């Protein structure tokens, strides 16, 4: 009986002490655990966007600050349609490709969790179409000597000379007589060789039919 009482006394004294020690060890372990940091990203701010119009698939440059340098953190929407390609990102410049199904309207920018509903308005231009290349020379519609007039017909042509370039099988035309929405009049350059005529509108290149000079 005496042994039993001593055992119970021993258990009553030891258990509370053990529980206290266990709690202290747990608290110490918690204090020595890893440090978790909460990152707060500065709010991005866009100051400009160029150009304000262009073709689907062309590039747009967005300028501002606090963009960071991770393209994965950037979301750009053209008329509500998300761009699928952010070409580059620095803290002050983002270059993004206009998505093929983009819509004209407000451009939205999101960097991390900061969303700007409108950093500007972008107009999606219809893609140009080149339907025919015809020489006005006296020999044949597909024969053009240097200095002859050539007519390029199609639709949705740009009419700003700074946005249009033409080459005859790689030889640049230096004399574009007129630019209309559906018709370009150009003079064939000296030294060009037989091959396709190319028209480039703001980086969008079209390939037309072949022309050749009458003399090789």
Protein backbone atom coordinates (compact mmCIF):
# COMPACT_ATOMS: atom_id res chain seq x y z
CA UNK A 1 0.00 0.00 0.00
CA UNK A 2 2.83 2.28 0.82
CA UNK A 3 4.54 1.45 -2.47
CA UNK A 4 1.37 2.20 -4.41
CA UNK A 5 1.00 5.57 -2.72
CA UNK A 6 4.60 6.44 -3.44
CA UNK A 7 4.17 5.45 -7.09
CA UNK A 8 1.09 7.62 -7.41
CA UNK A 9 2.94 10.47 -5.76
CA UNK A 10 5.79 10.02 -8.17
CA UNK A 11 3.52 10.02 -11.21
CA UNK A 12 1.62 13.10 -10.04
CA UNK A 13 4.87 15.03 -9.66
CA UNK A 14 6.71 13.86 -12.75
CA UNK A 15 3.94 14.22 -15.36
CA UNK A 16 3.31 17.96 -14.83
CA UNK A 17 7.06 18.67 -14.98
CA UNK A 18 7.38 16.67 -18.21
CA UNK A 19 4.47 18.56 -19.77
CA UNK A 20 6.08 21.90 -18.92
CA UNK A 21 9.40 20.84 -20.42
CA UNK A 22 7.68 19.65 -23.62
CA UNK A 23 5.90 22.98 -24.01
CA UNK A 24 9.14 24.90 -23.55
CA UNK A 25 10.88 22.78 -26.19
CA UNK A 26 8.04 23.38 -28.66
CA UNK A 27 8.19 27.12 -28.06
CA UNK A 28 11.94 27.15 -28.62
CA UNK A 29 11.56 25.20 -31.84
CA UNK A 30 8.96 27.68 -33.10
CA UNK A 31 11.22 30.62 -32.33
CA UNK A 32 14.06 29.05 -34.31
CA UNK A 33 11.91 28.25 -37.36
CA UNK A 34 12.38 29.82 -40.82
CA UNK A 35 11.70 33.51 -41.34
CA UNK A 36 8.86 34.20 -43.81
CA UNK A 37 8.91 37.52 -45.65
CA UNK A 38 5.93 39.22 -47.23
CA UNK A 39 6.91 41.08 -50.40
CA UNK A 40 5.01 44.20 -51.35
CA UNK A 41 5.50 45.09 -55.01
CA UNK A 42 5.45 48.80 -55.89
CA UNK A 43 2.48 49.87 -57.98
CA UNK A 44 3.32 50.06 -61.66
CA UNK A 45 2.61 53.27 -63.54
CA UNK A 46 2.37 53.58 -67.34
CA UNK A 47 3.19 56.96 -68.91
CA UNK A 48 2.76 56.19 -72.61
CA UNK A 49 2.11 53.62 -75.32
CA UNK A 50 3.27 53.58 -78.95
CA UNK A 51 2.00 53.17 -81.56
CA UNK A 52 -1.69 53.84 -81.04
CA UNK A 53 -2.69 51.74 -84.04
CA UNK A 54 -1.34 48.79 -85.98
CA UNK A 55 -1.86 45.28 -87.22
CA UNK A 56 -2.50 42.18 -85.17
CA UNK A 57 0.89 40.57 -84.63
CA UNK A 58 2.75 43.89 -84.50
CA UNK A 59 4.63 45.15 -81.43
CA UNK A 60 3.55 47.83 -78.97
CA UNK A 61 5.92 49.57 -76.55
CA UNK A 62 4.65 50.62 -73.11
CA UNK A 63 6.71 53.07 -71.04
CA UNK A 64 6.46 53.88 -67.36
CA UNK A 65 8.01 52.76 -64.07
CA UNK A 66 8.02 49.95 -61.50
CA UNK A 67 7.45 47.25 -64.12
CA UNK A 68 10.19 44.99 -62.74
CA UNK A 69 11.95 42.64 -65.14
CA UNK A 70 9.85 39.46 -65.21
CA UNK A 71 7.76 38.98 -68.33
CA UNK A 72 5.77 36.30 -66.47
CA UNK A 73 4.39 38.97 -64.13
CA UNK A 74 3.01 41.11 -66.98
CA UNK A 75 -0.50 40.88 -68.42
CA UNK A 76 -1.62 43.15 -71.28
CA UNK A 77 -5.13 43.20 -72.76
CA UNK A 78 -6.15 44.75 -76.08
CA UNK A 79 -9.87 45.45 -76.05
CA UNK A 80 -10.22 42.80 -73.35
CA UNK A 81 -8.18 40.20 -75.28
CA UNK A 82 -5.06 39.02 -73.46
CA UNK A 83 -1.75 39.23 -75.31
CA UNK A 84 -0.09 35.83 -75.48
CA UNK A 85 3.46 37.16 -76.02
CA UNK A 86 5.33 39.68 -73.86
CA UNK A 87 8.59 40.07 -75.74
CA UNK A 88 10.57 41.91 -73.06
CA UNK A 89 10.22 43.74 -69.76
CA UNK A 90 12.49 46.17 -67.95
CA UNK A 91 11.62 48.44 -65.05
CA UNK A 92 10.59 51.22 -67.46
CA UNK A 93 9.77 49.55 -70.82
CA UNK A 94 7.50 46.66 -71.84
CA UNK A 95 7.32 45.36 -75.42
CA UNK A 96 4.26 43.25 -76.18
CA UNK A 97 2.89 41.59 -79.31
CA UNK A 98 -0.67 42.52 -80.30
CA UNK A 99 -2.69 39.27 -80.21
CA UNK A 100 -4.11 37.97 -83.48
CA UNK A 101 -7.70 38.27 -82.20
CA UNK A 102 -7.20 41.69 -80.60
CA UNK A 103 -10.04 44.20 -80.59
CA UNK A 104 -9.84 47.96 -80.91
CA UNK A 105 -10.35 49.70 -77.58
CA UNK A 106 -8.69 50.32 -74.23
CA UNK A 107 -5.37 48.67 -73.41
CA UNK A 108 -5.13 47.32 -69.86
CA UNK A 109 -1.89 46.57 -68.04
CA UNK A 110 -1.41 44.33 -65.02
CA UNK A 111 1.97 43.85 -63.34
CA UNK A 112 1.81 41.36 -60.48
CA UNK A 113 -1.40 42.35 -58.66
CA UNK A 114 -1.61 45.99 -59.78
CA UNK A 115 -4.13 46.50 -62.60
CA UNK A 116 -4.51 49.66 -64.68
CA UNK A 117 -7.76 49.41 -66.65
CA UNK A 118 -6.69 51.86 -69.35
CA UNK A 119 -3.21 52.99 -70.31
CA UNK A 120 -4.35 54.14 -73.75
CA UNK A 121 -6.47 53.24 -76.76
CA UNK A 122 -5.24 50.97 -79.56
CA UNK A 123 -6.89 50.69 -82.97
CA UNK A 124 -6.48 47.35 -84.74
CA UNK A 125 -6.02 47.94 -88.47
CA UNK A 126 -7.28 45.42 -91.04
CA UNK A 127 -4.45 43.50 -92.67
CA UNK A 128 -3.46 44.70 -96.16
CA UNK A 129 -4.07 42.42 -99.14
CA UNK A 130 -2.04 42.52 -102.37
CA UNK A 131 -4.03 41.14 -105.30
CA UNK A 132 -2.04 42.06 -108.42
CA UNK A 133 1.24 43.47 -109.73
CA UNK A 134 0.96 44.83 -113.28
CA UNK A 135 3.54 46.61 -115.42
CA UNK A 136 2.39 49.48 -117.64
CA UNK A 137 5.33 48.84 -119.96
CA UNK A 138 4.60 48.22 -123.64
CA UNK A 139 5.94 44.66 -123.80
CA UNK A 140 3.81 42.63 -121.34
CA UNK A 141 2.08 43.00 -117.92
CA UNK A 142 4.85 40.98 -116.26
CA UNK A 143 7.76 42.73 -118.02
CA UNK A 144 9.08 45.99 -116.59
CA UNK A 145 12.35 47.65 -117.47
CA UNK A 146 13.99 50.02 -114.99
CA UNK A 147 12.06 53.28 -115.03
CA UNK A 148 8.76 51.67 -116.03
CA UNK A 149 5.57 52.28 -114.05
CA UNK A 150 4.12 49.37 -112.04
CA UNK A 151 0.65 49.26 -110.46
CA UNK A 152 0.10 47.34 -107.21
CA UNK A 153 -3.57 46.69 -106.48
CA UNK A 154 -5.22 45.42 -103.33
CA UNK A 155 -6.99 46.65 -100.21
CA UNK A 156 -6.31 48.20 -96.81
CA UNK A 157 -3.02 49.74 -97.94
CA UNK A 158 -1.40 52.26 -95.62
CA UNK A 159 -1.03 55.69 -97.21
CA UNK A 160 1.71 57.19 -95.01
CA UNK A 161 4.99 56.99 -97.00
CA UNK A 162 6.98 56.46 -93.80
CA UNK A 163 5.15 53.16 -93.19
CA UNK A 164 5.54 51.67 -96.70
CA UNK A 165 8.50 50.12 -98.51
CA UNK A 166 8.67 48.20 -101.80
CA UNK A 167 11.37 46.02 -103.28
CA UNK A 168 11.74 44.22 -106.60
CA UNK A 169 13.34 40.87 -105.79
CA UNK A 170 15.35 42.56 -103.04
CA UNK A 171 16.17 45.81 -104.83
CA UNK A 172 14.50 48.71 -103.07
CA UNK A 173 12.21 51.03 -105.01
CA UNK A 174 13.15 54.65 -104.40
CA UNK A 175 10.34 56.30 -106.37
CA UNK A 176 6.83 55.64 -105.06
CA UNK A 177 4.62 57.90 -107.13
CA UNK A 178 1.38 57.60 -105.15
CA UNK A 179 -0.19 55.70 -102.27
CA UNK A 180 -3.91 55.01 -102.15
CA UNK A 181 -5.95 52.60 -100.03
CA UNK A 182 -6.33 50.19 -102.96
CA UNK A 183 -3.58 51.25 -105.41
CA UNK A 184 0.15 51.95 -105.28
CA UNK A 185 2.00 53.40 -108.23
CA UNK A 186 5.77 52.81 -108.23
CA UNK A 187 8.71 53.13 -110.65
CA UNK A 188 10.93 50.07 -111.09
CA UNK A 189 14.48 50.62 -109.77
CA UNK A 190 17.69 50.32 -111.73
CA UNK A 191 19.58 47.06 -111.52
CA UNK A 192 16.76 44.87 -110.28
CA UNK A 193 16.62 41.22 -111.34
CA UNK A 194 13.63 39.03 -112.17
CA UNK A 195 11.63 37.90 -109.14
CA UNK A 196 8.77 38.68 -106.79
CA UNK A 197 7.69 42.17 -105.82
CA UNK A 198 7.37 42.72 -102.05
CA UNK A 199 5.43 45.40 -100.22
CA UNK A 200 5.98 46.00 -96.50
CA UNK A 201 3.52 47.97 -94.37
CA UNK A 202 4.84 48.74 -90.89
CA UNK A 203 6.73 45.47 -90.75
CA UNK A 204 3.95 43.40 -92.35
CA UNK A 205 5.39 41.99 -95.59
CA UNK A 206 3.35 40.95 -98.62
CA UNK A 207 4.62 39.02 -101.62
CA UNK A 208 3.26 39.83 -105.05
CA UNK A 209 3.68 38.18 -108.44
CA UNK A 210 6.96 38.12 -110.39
CA UNK A 211 8.26 40.82 -112.70
CA UNK A 212 11.26 40.71 -114.99
CA UNK A 213 13.13 43.28 -117.06
CA UNK A 214 13.06 42.71 -120.82
CA UNK A 215 16.85 42.36 -120.92
CA UNK A 216 18.64 39.91 -118.61
